[in-house]
Amino acid sequence: MRPLRLAVLALPVLVAACGQTRQVENNEYYDDSRRARVQGRISGNQDGLLILGTDRSRNREGGAGGDQAGLGVNAYLWRASLDTLSFMPLASADPFGGVIITDWYTPPAAQGERFRATAYILGRQLRSDGVRVSVFRQELRNGIWMDAPVATATGTELEDKVLARARELRSQSAAL
């Protein structure tokens, strides 16, 4: 009954939001000059996605420093984090917020424990403090998964691997 009540309360808000419309002119769909002025389109000189009508290419810092239009974080750190954590199943990835969350992973050699990781990309620049990795561990005790401590060096080692991979990706792109 509660979801129905929420839906009934949300309906007026949705209807009010839809009420703010504008008149669409017929020539809008055939006027290429208007479309040509929009930068950041999939087709055109500056390739990329146009997010919410905002061209972010003017706000980029450092040019080839790894900032990509459409990503809220450094592209090299983002790709390196995905590559480094690729052995674990991916639960969610938010490129605008810079958060990668993995699902629980059980190593083949250790059936009584499982691991989960969360990577945070902290900025748009490729820096050594631009990534944080948190690792969580659980052990199977009497048929119940219980939280267990993780060696403090585990997160740091994963961060170092991410940074090394990001440097490798950057040097590969610079060589092209």
N, C-alpha and C. Protein backbone atom coordinates (compact mmCIF):
# COMPACT_ATOMS: atom_id res chain seq x y z
N MET A 1 0.82 -1.19 0.00
CA MET A 1 0.00 0.00 0.00
C MET A 1 0.87 1.26 0.00
N ARG A 2 2.01 1.20 0.65
CA ARG A 2 2.88 2.36 0.76
C ARG A 2 3.42 2.82 -0.59
N PRO A 3 3.88 1.91 -1.51
CA PRO A 3 4.34 2.38 -2.82
C PRO A 3 3.24 3.08 -3.61
N LEU A 4 2.01 2.63 -3.46
CA LEU A 4 0.89 3.27 -4.15
C LEU A 4 0.70 4.69 -3.64
N ARG A 5 0.82 4.87 -2.34
CA ARG A 5 0.69 6.19 -1.74
C ARG A 5 1.78 7.13 -2.25
N LEU A 6 3.02 6.63 -2.37
CA LEU A 6 4.12 7.44 -2.89
C LEU A 6 3.89 7.81 -4.34
N ALA A 7 3.36 6.87 -5.12
CA ALA A 7 3.09 7.14 -6.53
C ALA A 7 2.02 8.21 -6.68
N VAL A 8 1.00 8.16 -5.85
CA VAL A 8 -0.07 9.15 -5.90
C VAL A 8 0.47 10.53 -5.52
N LEU A 9 1.37 10.59 -4.54
CA LEU A 9 1.96 11.87 -4.12
C LEU A 9 2.93 12.41 -5.17
N ALA A 10 3.60 11.55 -5.89
CA ALA A 10 4.58 11.98 -6.88
C ALA A 10 3.94 12.39 -8.19
N LEU A 11 2.73 11.96 -8.46
CA LEU A 11 2.07 12.25 -9.72
C LEU A 11 1.92 13.74 -9.98
N PRO A 12 1.45 14.56 -9.02
CA PRO A 12 1.34 16.00 -9.30
C PRO A 12 2.69 16.65 -9.62
N VAL A 13 3.75 16.20 -8.99
CA VAL A 13 5.08 16.75 -9.26
C VAL A 13 5.49 16.44 -10.69
N LEU A 14 5.26 15.21 -11.11
CA LEU A 14 5.61 14.82 -12.48
C LEU A 14 4.78 15.59 -13.50
N VAL A 15 3.52 15.76 -13.24
CA VAL A 15 2.65 16.49 -14.17
C VAL A 15 3.08 17.96 -14.25
N ALA A 16 3.43 18.55 -13.11
CA ALA A 16 3.87 19.95 -13.10
C ALA A 16 5.18 20.10 -13.86
N ALA A 17 6.07 19.13 -13.74
CA ALA A 17 7.35 19.20 -14.45
C ALA A 17 7.15 19.10 -15.95
N CYS A 18 6.17 18.35 -16.37
CA CYS A 18 5.89 18.21 -17.80
C CYS A 18 5.20 19.44 -18.37
N GLY A 19 4.63 20.28 -17.53
CA GLY A 19 3.90 21.44 -18.00
C GLY A 19 4.77 22.55 -18.54
N GLN A 20 6.06 22.51 -18.28
CA GLN A 20 6.96 23.55 -18.76
C GLN A 20 7.49 23.15 -20.13
N THR A 21 6.76 23.53 -21.15
CA THR A 21 7.15 23.17 -22.51
C THR A 21 7.31 24.42 -23.33
N ARG A 22 7.83 24.27 -24.53
CA ARG A 22 7.95 25.39 -25.45
C ARG A 22 7.41 24.94 -26.79
N GLN A 23 7.07 25.89 -27.59
CA GLN A 23 6.54 25.60 -28.92
C GLN A 23 7.67 25.18 -29.84
N VAL A 24 7.54 24.03 -30.48
CA VAL A 24 8.56 23.53 -31.39
C VAL A 24 8.22 24.00 -32.79
N GLU A 25 9.19 24.65 -33.43
CA GLU A 25 8.98 25.13 -34.78
C GLU A 25 9.35 24.03 -35.76
N ASN A 26 8.64 23.97 -36.87
CA ASN A 26 8.89 22.93 -37.87
C ASN A 26 10.28 23.01 -38.47
N ASN A 27 10.83 24.20 -38.61
CA ASN A 27 12.13 24.33 -39.26
C ASN A 27 13.29 23.93 -38.36
N GLU A 28 13.06 23.67 -37.08
CA GLU A 28 14.14 23.26 -36.18
C GLU A 28 14.78 21.95 -36.60
N TYR A 29 13.98 21.06 -37.15
CA TYR A 29 14.50 19.75 -37.49
C TYR A 29 15.24 19.76 -38.82
N TYR A 30 15.05 20.80 -39.61
CA TYR A 30 15.67 20.84 -40.93
C TYR A 30 16.75 21.90 -41.04
N ASP A 31 16.95 22.69 -40.00
CA ASP A 31 17.92 23.78 -40.03
C ASP A 31 19.26 23.26 -39.52
N ASP A 32 20.17 22.94 -40.43
CA ASP A 32 21.47 22.40 -40.03
C ASP A 32 22.39 23.47 -39.46
N SER A 33 22.10 24.74 -39.72
CA SER A 33 22.98 25.78 -39.19
C SER A 33 22.92 25.82 -37.67
N ARG A 34 21.75 25.54 -37.09
CA ARG A 34 21.62 25.51 -35.64
C ARG A 34 22.42 24.34 -35.06
N ARG A 35 22.32 23.21 -35.69
CA ARG A 35 23.02 22.02 -35.21
C ARG A 35 24.52 22.17 -35.38
N ALA A 36 24.94 22.89 -36.41
CA ALA A 36 26.36 23.03 -36.68
C ALA A 36 27.05 23.86 -35.60
N ARG A 37 26.28 24.72 -34.92
CA ARG A 37 26.88 25.55 -33.88
C ARG A 37 27.10 24.80 -32.58
N VAL A 38 26.52 23.63 -32.42
CA VAL A 38 26.66 22.84 -31.20
C VAL A 38 27.95 22.04 -31.28
N GLN A 39 28.83 22.23 -30.32
CA GLN A 39 30.08 21.48 -30.28
C GLN A 39 29.94 20.30 -29.34
N GLY A 40 30.77 19.30 -29.55
CA GLY A 40 30.75 18.15 -28.66
C GLY A 40 29.78 17.09 -29.11
N ARG A 41 29.35 17.12 -30.37
CA ARG A 41 28.42 16.13 -30.87
C ARG A 41 29.17 14.89 -31.33
N ILE A 42 28.46 13.79 -31.49
CA ILE A 42 29.08 12.56 -31.95
C ILE A 42 29.64 12.74 -33.35
N SER A 43 28.94 13.45 -34.19
CA SER A 43 29.47 13.74 -35.52
C SER A 43 29.95 15.19 -35.53
N GLY A 44 30.99 15.47 -36.23
CA GLY A 44 31.50 16.83 -36.29
C GLY A 44 32.97 16.86 -35.94
N ASN A 45 33.52 18.06 -35.88
CA ASN A 45 34.96 18.20 -35.64
C ASN A 45 35.34 17.77 -34.24
N GLN A 46 34.58 18.19 -33.25
CA GLN A 46 34.89 17.81 -31.88
C GLN A 46 34.00 16.65 -31.49
N ASP A 47 34.56 15.45 -31.55
CA ASP A 47 33.77 14.26 -31.30
C ASP A 47 33.59 14.07 -29.80
N GLY A 48 32.43 13.65 -29.37
CA GLY A 48 32.15 13.40 -27.97
C GLY A 48 30.66 13.55 -27.72
N LEU A 49 30.24 13.25 -26.52
CA LEU A 49 28.83 13.35 -26.17
C LEU A 49 28.54 14.74 -25.63
N LEU A 50 27.41 15.26 -25.97
CA LEU A 50 26.96 16.52 -25.43
C LEU A 50 26.08 16.21 -24.22
N ILE A 51 26.55 16.53 -23.03
CA ILE A 51 25.86 16.18 -21.80
C ILE A 51 25.03 17.37 -21.33
N LEU A 52 23.72 17.18 -21.28
CA LEU A 52 22.78 18.18 -20.78
C LEU A 52 22.99 19.55 -21.43
N GLY A 53 23.36 19.56 -22.70
CA GLY A 53 23.49 20.80 -23.44
C GLY A 53 24.70 21.63 -23.06
N THR A 54 25.69 21.03 -22.43
CA THR A 54 26.86 21.76 -21.98
C THR A 54 28.09 21.29 -22.73
N ASP A 55 28.79 22.20 -23.36
CA ASP A 55 30.04 21.86 -24.03
C ASP A 55 31.16 22.04 -23.02
N ARG A 56 31.73 20.95 -22.56
CA ARG A 56 32.77 21.00 -21.54
C ARG A 56 34.17 21.11 -22.13
N SER A 57 34.29 21.13 -23.44
CA SER A 57 35.62 21.15 -24.05
C SER A 57 36.34 22.46 -23.76
N ARG A 58 35.63 23.54 -23.51
CA ARG A 58 36.27 24.82 -23.21
C ARG A 58 36.83 24.83 -21.79
N ASN A 59 36.30 23.99 -20.91
CA ASN A 59 36.71 23.99 -19.50
C ASN A 59 37.83 23.02 -19.21
N ARG A 60 38.38 22.39 -20.23
CA ARG A 60 39.41 21.39 -19.99
C ARG A 60 40.72 22.05 -19.61
N GLU A 61 41.40 21.44 -18.66
CA GLU A 61 42.68 21.96 -18.21
C GLU A 61 43.79 21.09 -18.74
N GLY A 62 44.78 21.70 -19.32
CA GLY A 62 45.98 20.97 -19.69
C GLY A 62 45.90 20.19 -20.98
N GLY A 63 44.84 20.26 -21.73
CA GLY A 63 44.78 19.61 -23.03
C GLY A 63 44.92 18.11 -22.96
N ALA A 64 46.08 17.58 -23.26
CA ALA A 64 46.29 16.14 -23.35
C ALA A 64 46.55 15.50 -22.00
N GLY A 65 46.19 16.13 -20.91
CA GLY A 65 46.44 15.58 -19.60
C GLY A 65 45.51 14.46 -19.22
N GLY A 66 44.69 13.99 -20.14
CA GLY A 66 43.83 12.86 -19.85
C GLY A 66 42.40 13.25 -19.55
N ASP A 67 42.08 14.54 -19.57
CA ASP A 67 40.72 14.95 -19.33
C ASP A 67 39.92 14.74 -20.60
N GLN A 68 38.85 13.99 -20.51
CA GLN A 68 38.01 13.71 -21.66
C GLN A 68 36.65 14.35 -21.43
N ALA A 69 36.09 14.92 -22.50
CA ALA A 69 34.74 15.47 -22.39
C ALA A 69 33.79 14.33 -22.07
N GLY A 70 32.93 14.52 -21.11
CA GLY A 70 31.98 13.48 -20.75
C GLY A 70 32.37 12.74 -19.49
N LEU A 71 33.63 12.74 -19.11
CA LEU A 71 34.07 12.11 -17.87
C LEU A 71 34.27 13.19 -16.83
N GLY A 72 33.85 12.93 -15.61
CA GLY A 72 34.06 13.87 -14.54
C GLY A 72 35.39 13.69 -13.84
N VAL A 73 36.15 12.69 -14.26
CA VAL A 73 37.42 12.37 -13.61
C VAL A 73 38.49 12.16 -14.68
N ASN A 74 39.72 11.96 -14.24
CA ASN A 74 40.82 11.72 -15.16
C ASN A 74 40.60 10.40 -15.90
N ALA A 75 40.65 10.46 -17.21
CA ALA A 75 40.35 9.28 -18.03
C ALA A 75 41.39 8.18 -17.85
N TYR A 76 42.66 8.53 -17.65
CA TYR A 76 43.70 7.52 -17.47
C TYR A 76 43.51 6.78 -16.15
N LEU A 77 43.20 7.52 -15.08
CA LEU A 77 42.96 6.88 -13.78
C LEU A 77 41.70 6.03 -13.83
N TRP A 78 40.69 6.51 -14.54
CA TRP A 78 39.44 5.76 -14.66
C TRP A 78 39.68 4.42 -15.36
N ARG A 79 40.33 4.47 -16.52
CA ARG A 79 40.58 3.25 -17.30
C ARG A 79 41.53 2.32 -16.54
N ALA A 80 42.54 2.89 -15.90
CA ALA A 80 43.49 2.08 -15.14
C ALA A 80 42.82 1.39 -13.95
N SER A 81 41.89 2.07 -13.31
CA SER A 81 41.16 1.47 -12.18
C SER A 81 40.29 0.31 -12.67
N LEU A 82 39.61 0.52 -13.79
CA LEU A 82 38.81 -0.57 -14.35
C LEU A 82 39.69 -1.75 -14.74
N ASP A 83 40.84 -1.48 -15.35
CA ASP A 83 41.75 -2.55 -15.76
C ASP A 83 42.29 -3.31 -14.55
N THR A 84 42.69 -2.56 -13.52
CA THR A 84 43.30 -3.18 -12.33
C THR A 84 42.29 -4.03 -11.57
N LEU A 85 41.06 -3.58 -11.49
CA LEU A 85 40.03 -4.32 -10.73
C LEU A 85 39.23 -5.27 -11.61
N SER A 86 39.68 -5.51 -12.83
CA SER A 86 38.91 -6.33 -13.77
C SER A 86 38.81 -7.79 -13.36
N PHE A 87 39.66 -8.25 -12.44
CA PHE A 87 39.57 -9.64 -11.99
C PHE A 87 38.39 -9.86 -11.06
N MET A 88 37.80 -8.77 -10.55
CA MET A 88 36.64 -8.85 -9.67
C MET A 88 35.39 -8.48 -10.46
N PRO A 89 34.24 -9.08 -10.15
CA PRO A 89 33.02 -8.70 -10.88
C PRO A 89 32.62 -7.26 -10.54
N LEU A 90 32.21 -6.53 -11.54
CA LEU A 90 31.85 -5.13 -11.38
C LEU A 90 30.40 -5.01 -10.90
N ALA A 91 30.19 -4.26 -9.82
CA ALA A 91 28.83 -4.04 -9.31
C ALA A 91 28.27 -2.73 -9.86
N SER A 92 29.07 -1.66 -9.84
CA SER A 92 28.63 -0.40 -10.41
C SER A 92 29.84 0.47 -10.71
N ALA A 93 29.63 1.38 -11.68
CA ALA A 93 30.69 2.31 -12.07
C ALA A 93 30.04 3.64 -12.42
N ASP A 94 30.50 4.70 -11.80
CA ASP A 94 29.99 6.04 -12.04
C ASP A 94 31.12 6.93 -12.53
N PRO A 95 31.24 7.13 -13.86
CA PRO A 95 32.36 7.93 -14.37
C PRO A 95 32.25 9.41 -14.05
N PHE A 96 31.08 9.91 -13.72
CA PHE A 96 30.95 11.32 -13.40
C PHE A 96 31.33 11.57 -11.94
N GLY A 97 30.97 10.66 -11.06
CA GLY A 97 31.34 10.77 -9.66
C GLY A 97 32.69 10.16 -9.36
N GLY A 98 33.19 9.31 -10.26
CA GLY A 98 34.49 8.70 -10.09
C GLY A 98 34.51 7.57 -9.09
N VAL A 99 33.46 6.75 -9.06
CA VAL A 99 33.39 5.65 -8.10
C VAL A 99 33.19 4.33 -8.85
N ILE A 100 34.02 3.35 -8.53
CA ILE A 100 33.91 1.99 -9.07
C ILE A 100 33.72 1.06 -7.88
N ILE A 101 32.65 0.28 -7.90
CA ILE A 101 32.36 -0.66 -6.81
C ILE A 101 32.31 -2.06 -7.41
N THR A 102 33.08 -2.96 -6.83
CA THR A 102 33.06 -4.34 -7.29
C THR A 102 32.11 -5.15 -6.42
N ASP A 103 31.76 -6.31 -6.93
CA ASP A 103 30.96 -7.26 -6.16
C ASP A 103 31.94 -8.17 -5.41
N TRP A 104 31.43 -9.02 -4.57
CA TRP A 104 32.29 -9.93 -3.80
C TRP A 104 33.00 -10.89 -4.74
N TYR A 105 34.28 -11.10 -4.45
CA TYR A 105 35.13 -11.98 -5.25
C TYR A 105 35.79 -12.99 -4.31
N THR A 106 35.66 -14.28 -4.64
CA THR A 106 36.31 -15.34 -3.86
C THR A 106 37.48 -15.88 -4.67
N PRO A 107 38.70 -15.71 -4.17
CA PRO A 107 39.85 -16.26 -4.90
C PRO A 107 39.77 -17.78 -4.96
N PRO A 108 40.21 -18.38 -6.06
CA PRO A 108 40.15 -19.83 -6.19
C PRO A 108 40.94 -20.56 -5.11
N ALA A 109 42.03 -19.97 -4.63
CA ALA A 109 42.88 -20.64 -3.63
C ALA A 109 42.32 -20.55 -2.22
N ALA A 110 41.43 -19.60 -1.96
CA ALA A 110 40.90 -19.40 -0.61
C ALA A 110 39.38 -19.38 -0.66
N GLN A 111 38.76 -20.53 -0.46
CA GLN A 111 37.31 -20.64 -0.57
C GLN A 111 36.57 -20.09 0.66
N GLY A 112 37.25 -19.90 1.76
CA GLY A 112 36.59 -19.44 2.99
C GLY A 112 36.64 -17.94 3.18
N GLU A 113 37.08 -17.19 2.19
CA GLU A 113 37.11 -15.75 2.31
C GLU A 113 36.74 -15.10 0.98
N ARG A 114 36.27 -13.85 1.07
CA ARG A 114 35.92 -13.11 -0.15
C ARG A 114 36.29 -11.65 0.05
N PHE A 115 36.46 -10.97 -1.09
CA PHE A 115 36.92 -9.59 -1.07
C PHE A 115 36.00 -8.72 -1.93
N ARG A 116 35.99 -7.45 -1.59
CA ARG A 116 35.23 -6.46 -2.34
C ARG A 116 36.07 -5.18 -2.32
N ALA A 117 36.03 -4.42 -3.42
CA ALA A 117 36.83 -3.20 -3.49
C ALA A 117 35.99 -2.04 -4.00
N THR A 118 36.35 -0.85 -3.54
CA THR A 118 35.75 0.38 -4.02
C THR A 118 36.89 1.33 -4.37
N ALA A 119 36.88 1.81 -5.61
CA ALA A 119 37.91 2.75 -6.07
C ALA A 119 37.27 4.12 -6.23
N TYR A 120 37.96 5.14 -5.72
CA TYR A 120 37.51 6.52 -5.83
C TYR A 120 38.54 7.29 -6.66
N ILE A 121 38.11 7.86 -7.79
CA ILE A 121 38.97 8.73 -8.57
C ILE A 121 38.66 10.14 -8.08
N LEU A 122 39.68 10.83 -7.57
CA LEU A 122 39.45 12.05 -6.81
C LEU A 122 39.60 13.34 -7.59
N GLY A 123 39.92 13.28 -8.86
CA GLY A 123 40.06 14.53 -9.59
C GLY A 123 40.24 14.32 -11.08
N ARG A 124 40.44 15.42 -11.77
CA ARG A 124 40.59 15.40 -13.22
C ARG A 124 42.06 15.38 -13.64
N GLN A 125 42.97 15.43 -12.72
CA GLN A 125 44.39 15.43 -13.05
C GLN A 125 45.01 14.08 -12.70
N LEU A 126 46.02 13.71 -13.47
CA LEU A 126 46.76 12.47 -13.20
C LEU A 126 47.80 12.77 -12.15
N ARG A 127 47.46 12.46 -10.90
CA ARG A 127 48.35 12.70 -9.77
C ARG A 127 48.39 11.46 -8.89
N SER A 128 49.42 11.36 -8.09
CA SER A 128 49.58 10.18 -7.24
C SER A 128 48.51 10.10 -6.16
N ASP A 129 47.95 11.23 -5.76
CA ASP A 129 46.89 11.20 -4.76
C ASP A 129 45.50 11.28 -5.41
N GLY A 130 45.41 10.97 -6.68
CA GLY A 130 44.16 11.06 -7.42
C GLY A 130 43.28 9.82 -7.34
N VAL A 131 43.74 8.77 -6.67
CA VAL A 131 42.95 7.54 -6.57
C VAL A 131 43.07 6.96 -5.16
N ARG A 132 41.96 6.47 -4.65
CA ARG A 132 41.91 5.76 -3.37
C ARG A 132 41.16 4.46 -3.58
N VAL A 133 41.71 3.38 -3.05
CA VAL A 133 41.07 2.07 -3.15
C VAL A 133 40.84 1.54 -1.74
N SER A 134 39.60 1.22 -1.45
CA SER A 134 39.23 0.60 -0.17
C SER A 134 38.90 -0.86 -0.44
N VAL A 135 39.48 -1.74 0.37
CA VAL A 135 39.26 -3.17 0.21
C VAL A 135 38.55 -3.70 1.45
N PHE A 136 37.56 -4.54 1.23
CA PHE A 136 36.80 -5.14 2.33
C PHE A 136 36.95 -6.66 2.22
N ARG A 137 37.00 -7.31 3.38
CA ARG A 137 37.21 -8.76 3.42
C ARG A 137 36.21 -9.39 4.37
N GLN A 138 35.73 -10.56 3.98
CA GLN A 138 34.86 -11.34 4.86
C GLN A 138 35.34 -12.78 4.89
N GLU A 139 35.14 -13.42 6.04
CA GLU A 139 35.48 -14.84 6.21
C GLU A 139 34.20 -15.61 6.49
N LEU A 140 34.17 -16.85 6.02
CA LEU A 140 33.02 -17.72 6.25
C LEU A 140 33.24 -18.46 7.56
N ARG A 141 32.38 -18.16 8.56
CA ARG A 141 32.48 -18.80 9.88
C ARG A 141 31.12 -19.39 10.23
N ASN A 142 31.07 -20.68 10.37
CA ASN A 142 29.83 -21.39 10.72
C ASN A 142 28.70 -21.08 9.74
N GLY A 143 29.06 -20.97 8.47
CA GLY A 143 28.07 -20.73 7.43
C GLY A 143 27.61 -19.29 7.30
N ILE A 144 28.25 -18.37 8.01
CA ILE A 144 27.87 -16.96 7.97
C ILE A 144 29.10 -16.13 7.58
N TRP A 145 28.91 -15.20 6.64
CA TRP A 145 30.01 -14.32 6.24
C TRP A 145 30.18 -13.24 7.29
N MET A 146 31.37 -13.16 7.85
CA MET A 146 31.68 -12.19 8.90
C MET A 146 32.78 -11.26 8.40
N ASP A 147 32.69 -9.97 8.74
CA ASP A 147 33.72 -9.02 8.37
C ASP A 147 35.03 -9.39 9.04
N ALA A 148 36.11 -9.20 8.30
CA ALA A 148 37.44 -9.52 8.80
C ALA A 148 38.39 -8.38 8.42
N PRO A 149 39.45 -8.21 9.19
CA PRO A 149 40.39 -7.12 8.87
C PRO A 149 41.16 -7.40 7.58
N VAL A 150 41.54 -6.32 6.92
CA VAL A 150 42.32 -6.37 5.69
C VAL A 150 43.67 -5.75 5.98
N ALA A 151 44.72 -6.32 5.44
CA ALA A 151 46.04 -5.73 5.61
C ALA A 151 46.03 -4.31 5.02
N THR A 152 46.59 -3.36 5.75
CA THR A 152 46.56 -1.97 5.31
C THR A 152 47.30 -1.76 4.00
N ALA A 153 48.24 -2.62 3.71
CA ALA A 153 49.02 -2.48 2.48
C ALA A 153 48.23 -2.91 1.24
N THR A 154 47.14 -3.63 1.41
CA THR A 154 46.38 -4.14 0.26
C THR A 154 45.82 -3.00 -0.58
N GLY A 155 45.17 -2.04 0.05
CA GLY A 155 44.62 -0.89 -0.67
C GLY A 155 45.71 -0.07 -1.33
N THR A 156 46.82 0.12 -0.62
CA THR A 156 47.95 0.89 -1.15
C THR A 156 48.56 0.19 -2.36
N GLU A 157 48.68 -1.13 -2.30
CA GLU A 157 49.23 -1.88 -3.43
C GLU A 157 48.33 -1.76 -4.66
N LEU A 158 47.02 -1.83 -4.46
CA LEU A 158 46.10 -1.65 -5.58
C LEU A 158 46.19 -0.24 -6.15
N GLU A 159 46.31 0.77 -5.28
CA GLU A 159 46.48 2.14 -5.75
C GLU A 159 47.75 2.28 -6.58
N ASP A 160 48.85 1.66 -6.13
CA ASP A 160 50.10 1.71 -6.89
C ASP A 160 49.95 1.05 -8.26
N LYS A 161 49.22 -0.05 -8.31
CA LYS A 161 48.99 -0.72 -9.61
C LYS A 161 48.15 0.14 -10.53
N VAL A 162 47.15 0.82 -9.97
CA VAL A 162 46.32 1.72 -10.77
C VAL A 162 47.17 2.85 -11.33
N LEU A 163 48.00 3.45 -10.49
CA LEU A 163 48.85 4.56 -10.94
C LEU A 163 49.85 4.11 -12.00
N ALA A 164 50.43 2.92 -11.82
CA ALA A 164 51.37 2.41 -12.81
C ALA A 164 50.67 2.17 -14.15
N ARG A 165 49.47 1.63 -14.10
CA ARG A 165 48.71 1.38 -15.34
C ARG A 165 48.31 2.71 -15.99
N ALA A 166 47.94 3.71 -15.19
CA ALA A 166 47.57 5.02 -15.72
C ALA A 166 48.75 5.68 -16.42
N ARG A 167 49.94 5.56 -15.82
CA ARG A 167 51.15 6.11 -16.47
C ARG A 167 51.43 5.39 -17.78
N GLU A 168 51.22 4.06 -17.78
CA GLU A 168 51.42 3.28 -18.99
C GLU A 168 50.44 3.71 -20.09
N LEU A 169 49.18 3.89 -19.73
CA LEU A 169 48.18 4.34 -20.71
C LEU A 169 48.50 5.72 -21.25
N ARG A 170 48.97 6.60 -20.37
CA ARG A 170 49.32 7.95 -20.82
C ARG A 170 50.50 7.94 -21.76
N SER A 171 51.52 7.13 -21.46
CA SER A 171 52.68 7.07 -22.35
C SER A 171 52.32 6.43 -23.68
N GLN A 172 51.39 5.47 -23.68
CA GLN A 172 50.94 4.87 -24.93
C GLN A 172 50.19 5.87 -25.79
N SER A 173 49.38 6.71 -25.18
CA SER A 173 48.63 7.70 -25.95
C SER A 173 49.54 8.82 -26.44
N ALA A 174 50.59 9.14 -25.69
CA ALA A 174 51.53 10.18 -26.11
C ALA A 174 52.37 9.70 -27.30
N ALA A 175 52.60 8.39 -27.39
CA ALA A 175 53.41 7.84 -28.47
C ALA A 175 52.65 7.82 -29.79
N LEU A 176 51.32 7.87 -29.72
CA LEU A 176 50.51 7.83 -30.95
C LEU A 176 50.56 9.10 -31.65
